[in-house]
């Protein structure tokens, strides 16, 4: 059996067409998702394994992406820690971390991952239904991003005031309870059949490079050390928006296989400068998919032509995708067009 393209690219040895998948490819832009959401609450789409599998499969069956990513939500570890979680329609916790005294209310440790068993059940259903050449990606939120939600309920709210509390013991205590749980959550997904796991750390871009090394990379390293005791060979993708080379330097000694980058970076330059350490995922601007089809095609062909002009070895570790998630108003026809052009040009 031929190894899936994504797994080849994650080990920087893909000799053929680069794999393509999009963050949020199973989401609000897609009629398949909209039809399911019209009949079911969001939390049920995540927590009922049959429904989670159905949402995940929608873009694979319609567009033919090379990888499926589990439909879920990154906040479920906070619910498992005893913070509650509901969607009205956006996520709300029952309470938020305000002071070190609140740490006493938090549950923690690897055993709490059992509260995410619905993810493992959905992955088992997906593995049984996905074509063998289609990779299945699990995912979790990064420790810093989960802390931002635990403190402020959102990335934006955290930026307005959450950074002030990083050195008062609250963040350290939070991670003491979170990191084992997060590693066990990743292992639960991998052992159920996920071929790789993505870590989304979207709030980490609010940090300076020096802060990133301390507050994002250090707890991430702790999570990965624990994860590797359980799953030594499962590839891991790390994505953080609004970061750059000065931030990424802090990740170089962590056992990650793929660096996801946002659309602000020159992809060829990142492949040249970072490709000896990681495979690289990205980084089409999600806004391009809102353009008229002719303009989208022109931009994609220019982008892909430049990549084709590079040595094939430089592309061996490239995972074609967006620099962030598919936007809600994206026309389905543009998603289909993007994949058509990618397959046509790279063969």
C-alpha atoms as a PDB file:
ATOM      1  CA  UNK A   1       0.000   0.000   0.000  1.00  0.00           C
ATOM      2  CA  UNK A   2       1.300   3.442  -0.937  1.00  0.00           C
ATOM      3  CA  UNK A   3       2.090   5.634   2.049  1.00  0.00           C
ATOM      4  CA  UNK A   4      -0.200   8.683   2.268  1.00  0.00           C
ATOM      5  CA  UNK A   5       1.232  11.856   0.774  1.00  0.00           C
ATOM      6  CA  UNK A   6       0.928  13.778   4.024  1.00  0.00           C
ATOM      7  CA  UNK A   7       3.021  11.287   5.978  1.00  0.00           C
ATOM      8  CA  UNK A   8       5.661  11.390   3.239  1.00  0.00           C
ATOM      9  CA  UNK A   9       5.750  15.189   3.369  1.00  0.00           C
ATOM     10  CA  UNK A  10       5.921  15.277   7.172  1.00  0.00           C
ATOM     11  CA  UNK A  11       9.161  13.328   6.954  1.00  0.00           C
ATOM     12  CA  UNK A  12      10.427  15.546   4.073  1.00  0.00           C
ATOM     13  CA  UNK A  13      10.570  12.732   1.521  1.00  0.00           C
ATOM     14  CA  UNK A  14       7.580  13.320  -0.741  1.00  0.00           C
ATOM     15  CA  UNK A  15       8.720  12.992  -4.379  1.00  0.00           C
ATOM     16  CA  UNK A  16       5.390  13.745  -6.039  1.00  0.00           C
ATOM     17  CA  UNK A  17       2.475  16.159  -5.700  1.00  0.00           C
ATOM     18  CA  UNK A  18       2.464  17.968  -2.326  1.00  0.00           C
ATOM     19  CA  UNK A  19      -0.442  16.955  -0.091  1.00  0.00           C
ATOM     20  CA  UNK A  20      -3.152  19.542   0.442  1.00  0.00           C
ATOM     21  CA  UNK A  21      -5.573  20.119   3.298  1.00  0.00           C
ATOM     22  CA  UNK A  22      -7.040  23.291   4.789  1.00  0.00           C
ATOM     23  CA  UNK A  23      -7.514  24.284   8.386  1.00  0.00           C
ATOM     24  CA  UNK A  24     -11.278  24.543   9.057  1.00  0.00           C
ATOM     25  CA  UNK A  25     -11.973  22.625   5.861  1.00  0.00           C
ATOM     26  CA  UNK A  26     -15.005  21.104   7.619  1.00  0.00           C
ATOM     27  CA  UNK A  27     -16.805  24.236   8.698  1.00  0.00           C
ATOM     28  CA  UNK A  28     -19.347  26.951   8.236  1.00  0.00           C
ATOM     29  CA  UNK A  29     -18.613  27.732   4.566  1.00  0.00           C
ATOM     30  CA  UNK A  30     -19.635  24.209   3.530  1.00  0.00           C
ATOM     31  CA  UNK A  31     -23.231  23.227   2.764  1.00  0.00           C
ATOM     32  CA  UNK A  32     -22.607  19.762   4.165  1.00  0.00           C
ATOM     33  CA  UNK A  33     -21.774  21.291   7.541  1.00  0.00           C
ATOM     34  CA  UNK A  34     -24.612  23.801   7.323  1.00  0.00           C
ATOM     35  CA  UNK A  35     -27.155  21.037   6.761  1.00  0.00           C
ATOM     36  CA  UNK A  36     -25.938  19.106   9.784  1.00  0.00           C
ATOM     37  CA  UNK A  37     -25.749  22.239  11.916  1.00  0.00           C
ATOM     38  CA  UNK A  38     -29.355  23.108  11.030  1.00  0.00           C
ATOM     39  CA  UNK A  39     -30.438  19.876  12.735  1.00  0.00           C
ATOM     40  CA  UNK A  40     -27.932  19.575  15.585  1.00  0.00           C
ATOM     41  CA  UNK A  41     -26.307  21.767  18.227  1.00  0.00           C
ATOM     42  CA  UNK A  42     -22.612  22.486  17.718  1.00  0.00           C
ATOM     43  CA  UNK A  43     -21.616  20.609  20.861  1.00  0.00           C
ATOM     44  CA  UNK A  44     -23.465  17.532  19.589  1.00  0.00           C
ATOM     45  CA  UNK A  45     -21.580  17.703  16.303  1.00  0.00           C
ATOM     46  CA  UNK A  46     -18.399  17.498  18.382  1.00  0.00           C
ATOM     47  CA  UNK A  47     -19.425  15.058  21.099  1.00  0.00           C
ATOM     48  CA  UNK A  48     -21.546  12.539  19.230  1.00  0.00           C
ATOM     49  CA  UNK A  49     -18.958  10.388  17.419  1.00  0.00           C
ATOM     50  CA  UNK A  50     -21.195   9.564  14.470  1.00  0.00           C
ATOM     51  CA  UNK A  51     -21.921  13.242  13.844  1.00  0.00           C
ATOM     52  CA  UNK A  52     -18.294  14.317  14.330  1.00  0.00           C
ATOM     53  CA  UNK A  53     -17.237  11.711  11.790  1.00  0.00           C
ATOM     54  CA  UNK A  54     -19.918  12.860   9.351  1.00  0.00           C
ATOM     55  CA  UNK A  55     -18.787  16.496   9.528  1.00  0.00           C
ATOM     56  CA  UNK A  56     -15.145  15.467   9.126  1.00  0.00           C
ATOM     57  CA  UNK A  57     -15.896  13.365   6.049  1.00  0.00           C
ATOM     58  CA  UNK A  58     -17.872  16.065   4.214  1.00  0.00           C
ATOM     59  CA  UNK A  59     -14.958  17.929   2.583  1.00  0.00           C
ATOM     60  CA  UNK A  60     -13.082  14.685   1.882  1.00  0.00           C
ATOM     61  CA  UNK A  61     -15.993  13.251  -0.064  1.00  0.00           C
ATOM     62  CA  UNK A  62     -16.760  16.491  -1.900  1.00  0.00           C
ATOM     63  CA  UNK A  63     -13.348  18.067  -2.543  1.00  0.00           C
ATOM     64  CA  UNK A  64     -10.896  15.180  -2.160  1.00  0.00           C
ATOM     65  CA  UNK A  65      -8.443  16.702   0.316  1.00  0.00           C
ATOM     66  CA  UNK A  66      -5.437  14.500   1.060  1.00  0.00           C
ATOM     67  CA  UNK A  67      -6.085  14.645   4.806  1.00  0.00           C
ATOM     68  CA  UNK A  68      -9.091  14.797   7.091  1.00  0.00           C
ATOM     69  CA  UNK A  69      -8.894  16.602  10.418  1.00  0.00           C
ATOM     70  CA  UNK A  70     -11.113  15.507  13.276  1.00  0.00           C
ATOM     71  CA  UNK A  71     -14.057  17.864  13.739  1.00  0.00           C
ATOM     72  CA  UNK A  72     -13.935  18.905  17.384  1.00  0.00           C
ATOM     73  CA  UNK A  73     -13.089  21.913  19.534  1.00  0.00           C
ATOM     74  CA  UNK A  74      -9.836  22.760  21.251  1.00  0.00           C
ATOM     75  CA  UNK A  75     -11.559  23.793  24.519  1.00  0.00           C
ATOM     76  CA  UNK A  76     -12.651  20.339  25.667  1.00  0.00           C
ATOM     77  CA  UNK A  77      -9.552  19.921  27.878  1.00  0.00           C
ATOM     78  CA  UNK A  78     -10.760  22.939  29.881  1.00  0.00           C
ATOM     79  CA  UNK A  79     -14.117  21.249  30.337  1.00  0.00           C
ATOM     80  CA  UNK A  80     -12.285  18.102  31.471  1.00  0.00           C
ATOM     81  CA  UNK A  81     -10.425  20.238  34.036  1.00  0.00           C
ATOM     82  CA  UNK A  82     -13.728  21.250  35.605  1.00  0.00           C
ATOM     83  CA  UNK A  83     -14.307  24.643  33.984  1.00  0.00           C
ATOM     84  CA  UNK A  84     -17.523  23.657  32.215  1.00  0.00           C
ATOM     85  CA  UNK A  85     -18.220  24.507  28.586  1.00  0.00           C
ATOM     86  CA  UNK A  86     -21.265  25.578  26.626  1.00  0.00           C
ATOM     87  CA  UNK A  87     -21.885  27.318  23.300  1.00  0.00           C
ATOM     88  CA  UNK A  88     -24.320  30.263  23.206  1.00  0.00           C
ATOM     89  CA  UNK A  89     -23.473  30.199  20.277  1.00  0.00           C
ATOM     90  CA  UNK A  90     -19.791  30.965  20.945  1.00  0.00           C
ATOM     91  CA  UNK A  91     -17.890  29.119  23.682  1.00  0.00           C
ATOM     92  CA  UNK A  92     -18.377  30.092  27.319  1.00  0.00           C
ATOM     93  CA  UNK A  93     -16.819  28.517  30.383  1.00  0.00           C
ATOM     94  CA  UNK A  94     -18.670  28.317  33.677  1.00  0.00           C
ATOM     95  CA  UNK A  95     -15.878  30.222  35.411  1.00  0.00           C
ATOM     96  CA  UNK A  96     -12.493  31.729  34.589  1.00  0.00           C
ATOM     97  CA  UNK A  97      -9.072  31.764  36.195  1.00  0.00           C
ATOM     98  CA  UNK A  98      -8.700  35.096  37.993  1.00  0.00           C
ATOM     99  CA  UNK A  99      -6.097  34.409  40.718  1.00  0.00           C
ATOM    100  CA  UNK A 100      -3.849  31.591  41.985  1.00  0.00           C
ATOM    101  CA  UNK A 101      -6.575  30.744  44.486  1.00  0.00           C
ATOM    102  CA  UNK A 102      -8.704  29.505  41.571  1.00  0.00           C
ATOM    103  CA  UNK A 103      -6.193  26.736  40.845  1.00  0.00           C
ATOM    104  CA  UNK A 104      -7.697  24.706  43.652  1.00  0.00           C
ATOM    105  CA  UNK A 105     -10.844  24.277  41.566  1.00  0.00           C
ATOM    106  CA  UNK A 106      -8.969  22.798  38.596  1.00  0.00           C
ATOM    107  CA  UNK A 107      -8.758  19.072  37.961  1.00  0.00           C
ATOM    108  CA  UNK A 108      -5.679  17.851  36.129  1.00  0.00           C
ATOM    109  CA  UNK A 109      -3.544  14.940  35.094  1.00  0.00           C
ATOM    110  CA  UNK A 110      -3.559  12.334  32.363  1.00  0.00           C
ATOM    111  CA  UNK A 111      -6.599  10.540  33.755  1.00  0.00           C
ATOM    112  CA  UNK A 112      -8.833  13.448  32.823  1.00  0.00           C
ATOM    113  CA  UNK A 113      -8.278  12.638  29.121  1.00  0.00           C
ATOM    114  CA  UNK A 114     -10.952   9.976  29.486  1.00  0.00           C
ATOM    115  CA  UNK A 115     -13.439  12.859  29.309  1.00  0.00           C
ATOM    116  CA  UNK A 116     -12.477  13.178  25.615  1.00  0.00           C
ATOM    117  CA  UNK A 117     -13.196   9.537  24.766  1.00  0.00           C
ATOM    118  CA  UNK A 118     -15.790  10.775  22.248  1.00  0.00           C
ATOM    119  CA  UNK A 119     -12.873  11.996  20.124  1.00  0.00           C
ATOM    120  CA  UNK A 120     -11.323   8.523  20.082  1.00  0.00           C
ATOM    121  CA  UNK A 121     -14.660   6.990  19.132  1.00  0.00           C
ATOM    122  CA  UNK A 122     -15.062   9.444  16.229  1.00  0.00           C
ATOM    123  CA  UNK A 123     -11.520   8.700  15.039  1.00  0.00           C
ATOM    124  CA  UNK A 124     -12.221   4.971  15.065  1.00  0.00           C
ATOM    125  CA  UNK A 125     -15.308   5.544  12.917  1.00  0.00           C
ATOM    126  CA  UNK A 126     -13.330   7.762  10.553  1.00  0.00           C
ATOM    127  CA  UNK A 127     -10.451   5.348  10.215  1.00  0.00           C
ATOM    128  CA  UNK A 128     -12.900   2.664   9.151  1.00  0.00           C
ATOM    129  CA  UNK A 129     -14.441   4.890   6.469  1.00  0.00           C
ATOM    130  CA  UNK A 130     -11.539   6.929   5.097  1.00  0.00           C
ATOM    131  CA  UNK A 131      -9.616   5.719   2.052  1.00  0.00           C
ATOM    132  CA  UNK A 132      -6.212   4.355   3.123  1.00  0.00           C
ATOM    133  CA  UNK A 133      -4.423   7.084   1.167  1.00  0.00           C
ATOM    134  CA  UNK A 134      -6.193   9.833   3.166  1.00  0.00           C
ATOM    135  CA  UNK A 135      -4.441  10.843   6.360  1.00  0.00           C
ATOM    136  CA  UNK A 136      -6.395  11.467   9.530  1.00  0.00           C
ATOM    137  CA  UNK A 137      -5.240  14.370  11.702  1.00  0.00           C
ATOM    138  CA  UNK A 138      -6.079  14.751  15.373  1.00  0.00           C
ATOM    139  CA  UNK A 139      -5.622  18.060  17.146  1.00  0.00           C
ATOM    140  CA  UNK A 140      -5.378  19.931  20.424  1.00  0.00           C
ATOM    141  CA  UNK A 141      -4.826  23.536  21.435  1.00  0.00           C
ATOM    142  CA  UNK A 142      -1.404  24.658  22.613  1.00  0.00           C
ATOM    143  CA  UNK A 143      -0.920  25.254  26.358  1.00  0.00           C
ATOM    144  CA  UNK A 144      -0.615  29.010  25.985  1.00  0.00           C
ATOM    145  CA  UNK A 145      -3.747  29.275  23.840  1.00  0.00           C
ATOM    146  CA  UNK A 146      -5.750  27.156  26.275  1.00  0.00           C
ATOM    147  CA  UNK A 147      -4.566  29.406  29.100  1.00  0.00           C
ATOM    148  CA  UNK A 148      -5.748  32.471  27.170  1.00  0.00           C
ATOM    149  CA  UNK A 149      -9.236  30.976  26.964  1.00  0.00           C
ATOM    150  CA  UNK A 150      -9.161  29.841  30.594  1.00  0.00           C
ATOM    151  CA  UNK A 151      -8.344  33.369  31.750  1.00  0.00           C
ATOM    152  CA  UNK A 152     -10.356  35.521  29.358  1.00  0.00           C
ATOM    153  CA  UNK A 153     -12.662  33.314  27.333  1.00  0.00           C
ATOM    154  CA  UNK A 154     -11.123  34.407  24.048  1.00  0.00           C
ATOM    155  CA  UNK A 155      -7.860  35.264  22.375  1.00  0.00           C
ATOM    156  CA  UNK A 156      -8.889  38.903  21.989  1.00  0.00           C
ATOM    157  CA  UNK A 157      -9.944  39.310  25.595  1.00  0.00           C
ATOM    158  CA  UNK A 158      -6.670  37.833  26.794  1.00  0.00           C
ATOM    159  CA  UNK A 159      -4.606  40.299  24.772  1.00  0.00           C
ATOM    160  CA  UNK A 160      -6.304  43.159  26.618  1.00  0.00           C
ATOM    161  CA  UNK A 161      -5.151  42.043  30.051  1.00  0.00           C
ATOM    162  CA  UNK A 162      -4.080  38.439  30.414  1.00  0.00           C
ATOM    163  CA  UNK A 163      -0.354  38.928  29.881  1.00  0.00           C
ATOM    164  CA  UNK A 164      -0.091  40.656  33.247  1.00  0.00           C
ATOM    165  CA  UNK A 165      -0.817  37.446  35.137  1.00  0.00           C
ATOM    166  CA  UNK A 166       1.829  35.185  33.624  1.00  0.00           C
ATOM    167  CA  UNK A 167       4.336  35.588  36.461  1.00  0.00           C
ATOM    168  CA  UNK A 168       2.096  35.375  39.528  1.00  0.00           C
ATOM    169  CA  UNK A 169       1.989  31.576  39.682  1.00  0.00           C
ATOM    170  CA  UNK A 170      -1.317  31.239  37.845  1.00  0.00           C
ATOM    171  CA  UNK A 171       0.140  30.139  34.527  1.00  0.00           C
ATOM    172  CA  UNK A 172       2.628  27.768  36.118  1.00  0.00           C
ATOM    173  CA  UNK A 173      -0.090  26.145  38.221  1.00  0.00           C
ATOM    174  CA  UNK A 174      -2.388  25.875  35.222  1.00  0.00           C
ATOM    175  CA  UNK A 175       0.279  24.056  33.206  1.00  0.00           C
ATOM    176  CA  UNK A 176       1.056  21.686  36.062  1.00  0.00           C
ATOM    177  CA  UNK A 177      -2.512  20.485  35.731  1.00  0.00           C
ATOM    178  CA  UNK A 178      -2.837  20.776  31.956  1.00  0.00           C
ATOM    179  CA  UNK A 179       0.306  19.338  30.362  1.00  0.00           C
ATOM    180  CA  UNK A 180      -0.177  15.694  31.360  1.00  0.00           C
ATOM    181  CA  UNK A 181      -3.825  15.892  30.360  1.00  0.00           C
ATOM    182  CA  UNK A 182      -2.979  17.410  26.984  1.00  0.00           C
ATOM    183  CA  UNK A 183      -0.321  14.791  26.231  1.00  0.00           C
ATOM    184  CA  UNK A 184      -2.782  12.036  27.152  1.00  0.00           C
ATOM    185  CA  UNK A 185      -5.450  13.657  24.953  1.00  0.00           C
ATOM    186  CA  UNK A 186      -3.044  13.622  21.998  1.00  0.00           C
ATOM    187  CA  UNK A 187      -2.168   9.991  22.711  1.00  0.00           C
ATOM    188  CA  UNK A 188      -5.845   9.063  22.959  1.00  0.00           C
ATOM    189  CA  UNK A 189      -6.372  10.400  19.437  1.00  0.00           C
ATOM    190  CA  UNK A 190      -3.232   8.804  18.010  1.00  0.00           C
ATOM    191  CA  UNK A 191      -3.930   5.411  19.566  1.00  0.00           C
ATOM    192  CA  UNK A 192      -7.471   5.493  18.193  1.00  0.00           C
ATOM    193  CA  UNK A 193      -6.137   5.852  14.643  1.00  0.00           C
ATOM    194  CA  UNK A 194      -5.021   9.450  13.973  1.00  0.00           C
ATOM    195  CA  UNK A 195      -1.956   9.369  11.713  1.00  0.00           C
ATOM    196  CA  UNK A 196      -0.622  12.631  13.098  1.00  0.00           C
ATOM    197  CA  UNK A 197      -1.644  15.327  15.552  1.00  0.00           C
ATOM    198  CA  UNK A 198      -1.777  19.104  15.040  1.00  0.00           C
ATOM    199  CA  UNK A 199      -1.227  21.568  17.865  1.00  0.00           C
ATOM    200  CA  UNK A 200      -2.893  24.926  17.265  1.00  0.00           C
ATOM    201  CA  UNK A 201      -1.371  27.722  19.341  1.00  0.00           C
ATOM    202  CA  UNK A 202      -3.054  30.719  17.756  1.00  0.00           C
ATOM    203  CA  UNK A 203      -2.703  33.005  20.792  1.00  0.00           C
ATOM    204  CA  UNK A 204       1.058  32.527  20.980  1.00  0.00           C
ATOM    205  CA  UNK A 205       1.622  35.251  18.402  1.00  0.00           C
ATOM    206  CA  UNK A 206       0.734  37.839  21.041  1.00  0.00           C
ATOM    207  CA  UNK A 207       4.086  37.083  22.680  1.00  0.00           C
ATOM    208  CA  UNK A 208       7.474  38.586  21.928  1.00  0.00           C
ATOM    209  CA  UNK A 209      10.139  36.040  20.913  1.00  0.00           C
ATOM    210  CA  UNK A 210      11.535  36.091  24.439  1.00  0.00           C
ATOM    211  CA  UNK A 211       8.089  35.586  25.967  1.00  0.00           C
ATOM    212  CA  UNK A 212       7.299  32.906  23.413  1.00  0.00           C
ATOM    213  CA  UNK A 213      10.357  30.896  24.454  1.00  0.00           C
ATOM    214  CA  UNK A 214       9.270  30.959  28.082  1.00  0.00           C
ATOM    215  CA  UNK A 215       5.487  30.856  27.969  1.00  0.00           C
ATOM    216  CA  UNK A 216       4.725  28.947  24.766  1.00  0.00           C
ATOM    217  CA  UNK A 217       7.740  26.755  24.013  1.00  0.00           C
ATOM    218  CA  UNK A 218       8.538  25.556  27.549  1.00  0.00           C
ATOM    219  CA  UNK A 219       5.104  24.086  28.340  1.00  0.00           C
ATOM    220  CA  UNK A 220       4.878  22.762  24.772  1.00  0.00           C
ATOM    221  CA  UNK A 221       8.158  20.923  25.335  1.00  0.00           C
ATOM    222  CA  UNK A 222       6.722  19.401  28.526  1.00  0.00           C
ATOM    223  CA  UNK A 223       3.650  18.201  26.648  1.00  0.00           C
ATOM    224  CA  UNK A 224       5.766  16.693  23.884  1.00  0.00           C
ATOM    225  CA  UNK A 225       8.092  14.890  26.284  1.00  0.00           C
ATOM    226  CA  UNK A 226       5.102  13.212  27.906  1.00  0.00           C
ATOM    227  CA  UNK A 227       3.442  12.499  24.557  1.00  0.00           C
ATOM    228  CA  UNK A 228       6.595  10.834  23.245  1.00  0.00           C
ATOM    229  CA  UNK A 229       6.563   8.348  26.121  1.00  0.00           C
ATOM    230  CA  UNK A 230       3.191   7.193  24.799  1.00  0.00           C
ATOM    231  CA  UNK A 231       3.513   7.736  21.043  1.00  0.00           C
ATOM    232  CA  UNK A 232       7.174   7.935  20.054  1.00  0.00           C
ATOM    233  CA  UNK A 233       6.595   7.896  16.292  1.00  0.00           C
ATOM    234  CA  UNK A 234       3.416   9.934  15.679  1.00  0.00           C
ATOM    235  CA  UNK A 235       4.215  13.081  13.651  1.00  0.00           C
ATOM    236  CA  UNK A 236       3.169  16.403  15.191  1.00  0.00           C
ATOM    237  CA  UNK A 237       2.332  19.638  13.358  1.00  0.00           C
ATOM    238  CA  UNK A 238       2.671  22.917  15.280  1.00  0.00           C
ATOM    239  CA  UNK A 239       0.899  26.050  14.050  1.00  0.00           C
ATOM    240  CA  UNK A 240       1.097  29.496  15.622  1.00  0.00           C
ATOM    241  CA  UNK A 241      -0.214  32.581  13.872  1.00  0.00           C
ATOM    242  CA  UNK A 242       1.701  35.886  13.931  1.00  0.00           C
ATOM    243  CA  UNK A 243       5.041  34.269  14.785  1.00  0.00           C
ATOM    244  CA  UNK A 244       8.267  34.267  12.821  1.00  0.00           C
ATOM    245  CA  UNK A 245      11.853  32.984  12.775  1.00  0.00           C
ATOM    246  CA  UNK A 246      12.766  34.656  16.063  1.00  0.00           C
ATOM    247  CA  UNK A 247       9.922  32.750  17.731  1.00  0.00           C
ATOM    248  CA  UNK A 248      10.534  29.477  15.911  1.00  0.00           C
ATOM    249  CA  UNK A 249      14.106  29.311  17.209  1.00  0.00           C
ATOM    250  CA  UNK A 250      12.671  28.294  20.590  1.00  0.00           C
ATOM    251  CA  UNK A 251      10.985  25.263  18.982  1.00  0.00           C
ATOM    252  CA  UNK A 252      14.038  23.743  17.326  1.00  0.00           C
ATOM    253  CA  UNK A 253      14.862  21.287  20.122  1.00  0.00           C
ATOM    254  CA  UNK A 254      11.245  20.148  20.568  1.00  0.00           C
ATOM    255  CA  UNK A 255      10.282  16.913  18.829  1.00  0.00           C
ATOM    256  CA  UNK A 256       7.938  18.448  16.256  1.00  0.00           C
ATOM    257  CA  UNK A 257       7.879  17.376  12.617  1.00  0.00           C
ATOM    258  CA  UNK A 258       6.053  20.207  10.879  1.00  0.00           C
ATOM    259  CA  UNK A 259       5.925  23.981  11.244  1.00  0.00           C
ATOM    260  CA  UNK A 260       2.669  25.610  10.161  1.00  0.00           C
ATOM    261  CA  UNK A 261       3.090  29.221   9.043  1.00  0.00           C
ATOM    262  CA  UNK A 262       0.636  32.025   8.358  1.00  0.00           C
ATOM    263  CA  UNK A 263       0.151  33.904   5.100  1.00  0.00           C
ATOM    264  CA  UNK A 264       2.434  36.809   6.053  1.00  0.00           C
ATOM    265  CA  UNK A 265       5.581  34.836   5.224  1.00  0.00           C
ATOM    266  CA  UNK A 266       7.274  34.188   1.902  1.00  0.00           C
ATOM    267  CA  UNK A 267       6.817  30.423   1.591  1.00  0.00           C
ATOM    268  CA  UNK A 268       9.925  29.819  -0.528  1.00  0.00           C
ATOM    269  CA  UNK A 269      12.091  31.720   1.931  1.00  0.00           C
ATOM    270  CA  UNK A 270      10.688  29.728   4.854  1.00  0.00           C
ATOM    271  CA  UNK A 271      11.314  26.459   3.011  1.00  0.00           C
ATOM    272  CA  UNK A 272      14.889  27.553   2.368  1.00  0.00           C
ATOM    273  CA  UNK A 273      15.585  28.733   5.904  1.00  0.00           C
ATOM    274  CA  UNK A 274      13.564  26.237   7.943  1.00  0.00           C
ATOM    275  CA  UNK A 275      13.174  23.200   5.688  1.00  0.00           C
ATOM    276  CA  UNK A 276      16.298  21.470   6.987  1.00  0.00           C
ATOM    277  CA  UNK A 277      14.656  21.232  10.415  1.00  0.00           C
ATOM    278  CA  UNK A 278      10.935  20.765   9.680  1.00  0.00           C
ATOM    279  CA  UNK A 279       8.442  20.108   7.001  1.00  0.00           C
ATOM    280  CA  UNK A 280       6.528  23.341   6.378  1.00  0.00           C
ATOM    281  CA  UNK A 281       2.763  23.727   6.122  1.00  0.00           C
ATOM    282  CA  UNK A 282       1.067  26.704   4.502  1.00  0.00           C
ATOM    283  CA  UNK A 283       0.486  29.345   3.574  1.00  0.00           C
ATOM    284  CA  UNK A 284      -2.069  30.595   1.022  1.00  0.00           C
ATOM    285  CA  UNK A 285      -3.861  33.698   2.248  1.00  0.00           C
ATOM    286  CA  UNK A 286      -7.410  32.638   3.218  1.00  0.00           C
ATOM    287  CA  UNK A 287      -8.648  35.941   1.799  1.00  0.00           C
ATOM    288  CA  UNK A 288      -7.629  34.781  -1.664  1.00  0.00           C
ATOM    289  CA  UNK A 289     -10.471  32.271  -1.579  1.00  0.00           C
ATOM    290  CA  UNK A 290     -12.924  35.184  -1.420  1.00  0.00           C
ATOM    291  CA  UNK A 291     -11.696  36.611  -4.739  1.00  0.00           C
ATOM    292  CA  UNK A 292     -13.367  36.202  -8.134  1.00  0.00           C
ATOM    293  CA  UNK A 293     -12.355  32.872  -9.631  1.00  0.00           C
ATOM    294  CA  UNK A 294     -10.147  34.395 -12.330  1.00  0.00           C
ATOM    295  CA  UNK A 295      -8.169  36.436  -9.806  1.00  0.00           C
ATOM    296  CA  UNK A 296      -7.840  33.462  -7.462  1.00  0.00           C
ATOM    297  CA  UNK A 297      -6.535  31.305 -10.295  1.00  0.00           C
ATOM    298  CA  UNK A 298      -3.998  33.949 -11.332  1.00  0.00           C
ATOM    299  CA  UNK A 299      -2.619  34.265  -7.813  1.00  0.00           C
ATOM    300  CA  UNK A 300      -2.455  30.535  -7.204  1.00  0.00           C
ATOM    301  CA  UNK A 301      -0.727  29.881 -10.512  1.00  0.00           C
ATOM    302  CA  UNK A 302       1.856  32.572  -9.758  1.00  0.00           C
ATOM    303  CA  UNK A 303       2.448  31.101  -6.303  1.00  0.00           C
ATOM    304  CA  UNK A 304       2.692  27.511  -7.520  1.00  0.00           C
ATOM    305  CA  UNK A 305       4.891  28.435 -10.495  1.00  0.00           C
ATOM    306  CA  UNK A 306       7.435  29.973  -8.131  1.00  0.00           C
ATOM    307  CA  UNK A 307       7.441  26.792  -6.068  1.00  0.00           C
ATOM    308  CA  UNK A 308       7.861  24.626  -9.161  1.00  0.00           C
ATOM    309  CA  UNK A 309      10.929  26.681 -10.082  1.00  0.00           C
ATOM    310  CA  UNK A 310      12.610  25.542  -6.863  1.00  0.00           C
ATOM    311  CA  UNK A 311      14.557  22.268  -6.528  1.00  0.00           C
ATOM    312  CA  UNK A 312      12.282  19.279  -5.995  1.00  0.00           C
ATOM    313  CA  UNK A 313      14.083  18.512  -2.723  1.00  0.00           C
ATOM    314  CA  UNK A 314      12.882  21.837  -1.323  1.00  0.00           C
ATOM    315  CA  UNK A 315       9.267  20.819  -1.927  1.00  0.00           C
ATOM    316  CA  UNK A 316       9.660  17.320  -0.457  1.00  0.00           C
ATOM    317  CA  UNK A 317       8.588  18.616   2.944  1.00  0.00           C
ATOM    318  CA  UNK A 318       5.915  21.078   1.877  1.00  0.00           C
ATOM    319  CA  UNK A 319       2.294  20.583   2.929  1.00  0.00           C
ATOM    320  CA  UNK A 320       0.064  22.795   0.794  1.00  0.00           C
ATOM    321  CA  UNK A 321      -2.546  24.655   2.812  1.00  0.00           C
ATOM    322  CA  UNK A 322      -3.797  27.975   4.078  1.00  0.00           C
ATOM    323  CA  UNK A 323      -2.069  30.371   6.430  1.00  0.00           C
ATOM    324  CA  UNK A 324      -5.154  30.200   8.645  1.00  0.00           C
ATOM    325  CA  UNK A 325      -8.591  28.594   8.490  1.00  0.00           C
ATOM    326  CA  UNK A 326     -11.153  28.718   5.682  1.00  0.00           C
ATOM    327  CA  UNK A 327     -13.260  31.843   6.156  1.00  0.00           C
ATOM    328  CA  UNK A 328     -17.009  31.482   6.691  1.00  0.00           C
ATOM    329  CA  UNK A 329     -18.005  33.296   3.491  1.00  0.00           C
ATOM    330  CA  UNK A 330     -15.656  31.325   1.217  1.00  0.00           C
ATOM    331  CA  UNK A 331     -17.436  30.041  -1.922  1.00  0.00           C
ATOM    332  CA  UNK A 332     -17.253  26.276  -2.222  1.00  0.00           C
ATOM    333  CA  UNK A 333     -16.436  26.706  -5.905  1.00  0.00           C
ATOM    334  CA  UNK A 334     -13.199  28.466  -4.964  1.00  0.00           C
ATOM    335  CA  UNK A 335     -12.151  25.610  -2.698  1.00  0.00           C
ATOM    336  CA  UNK A 336     -12.775  23.211  -5.550  1.00  0.00           C
ATOM    337  CA  UNK A 337     -10.858  25.455  -7.959  1.00  0.00           C
ATOM    338  CA  UNK A 338      -7.859  25.727  -5.639  1.00  0.00           C
ATOM    339  CA  UNK A 339      -7.530  21.959  -5.376  1.00  0.00           C
ATOM    340  CA  UNK A 340      -8.007  21.524  -9.127  1.00  0.00           C
ATOM    341  CA  UNK A 341      -5.191  23.961  -9.908  1.00  0.00           C
ATOM    342  CA  UNK A 342      -2.912  22.409  -7.308  1.00  0.00           C
ATOM    343  CA  UNK A 343      -3.380  18.925  -8.741  1.00  0.00           C
ATOM    344  CA  UNK A 344      -3.030  20.117 -12.314  1.00  0.00           C
ATOM    345  CA  UNK A 345       0.198  22.028 -11.727  1.00  0.00           C
ATOM    346  CA  UNK A 346       1.957  19.536  -9.470  1.00  0.00           C
ATOM    347  CA  UNK A 347       0.711  16.445 -11.223  1.00  0.00           C
END
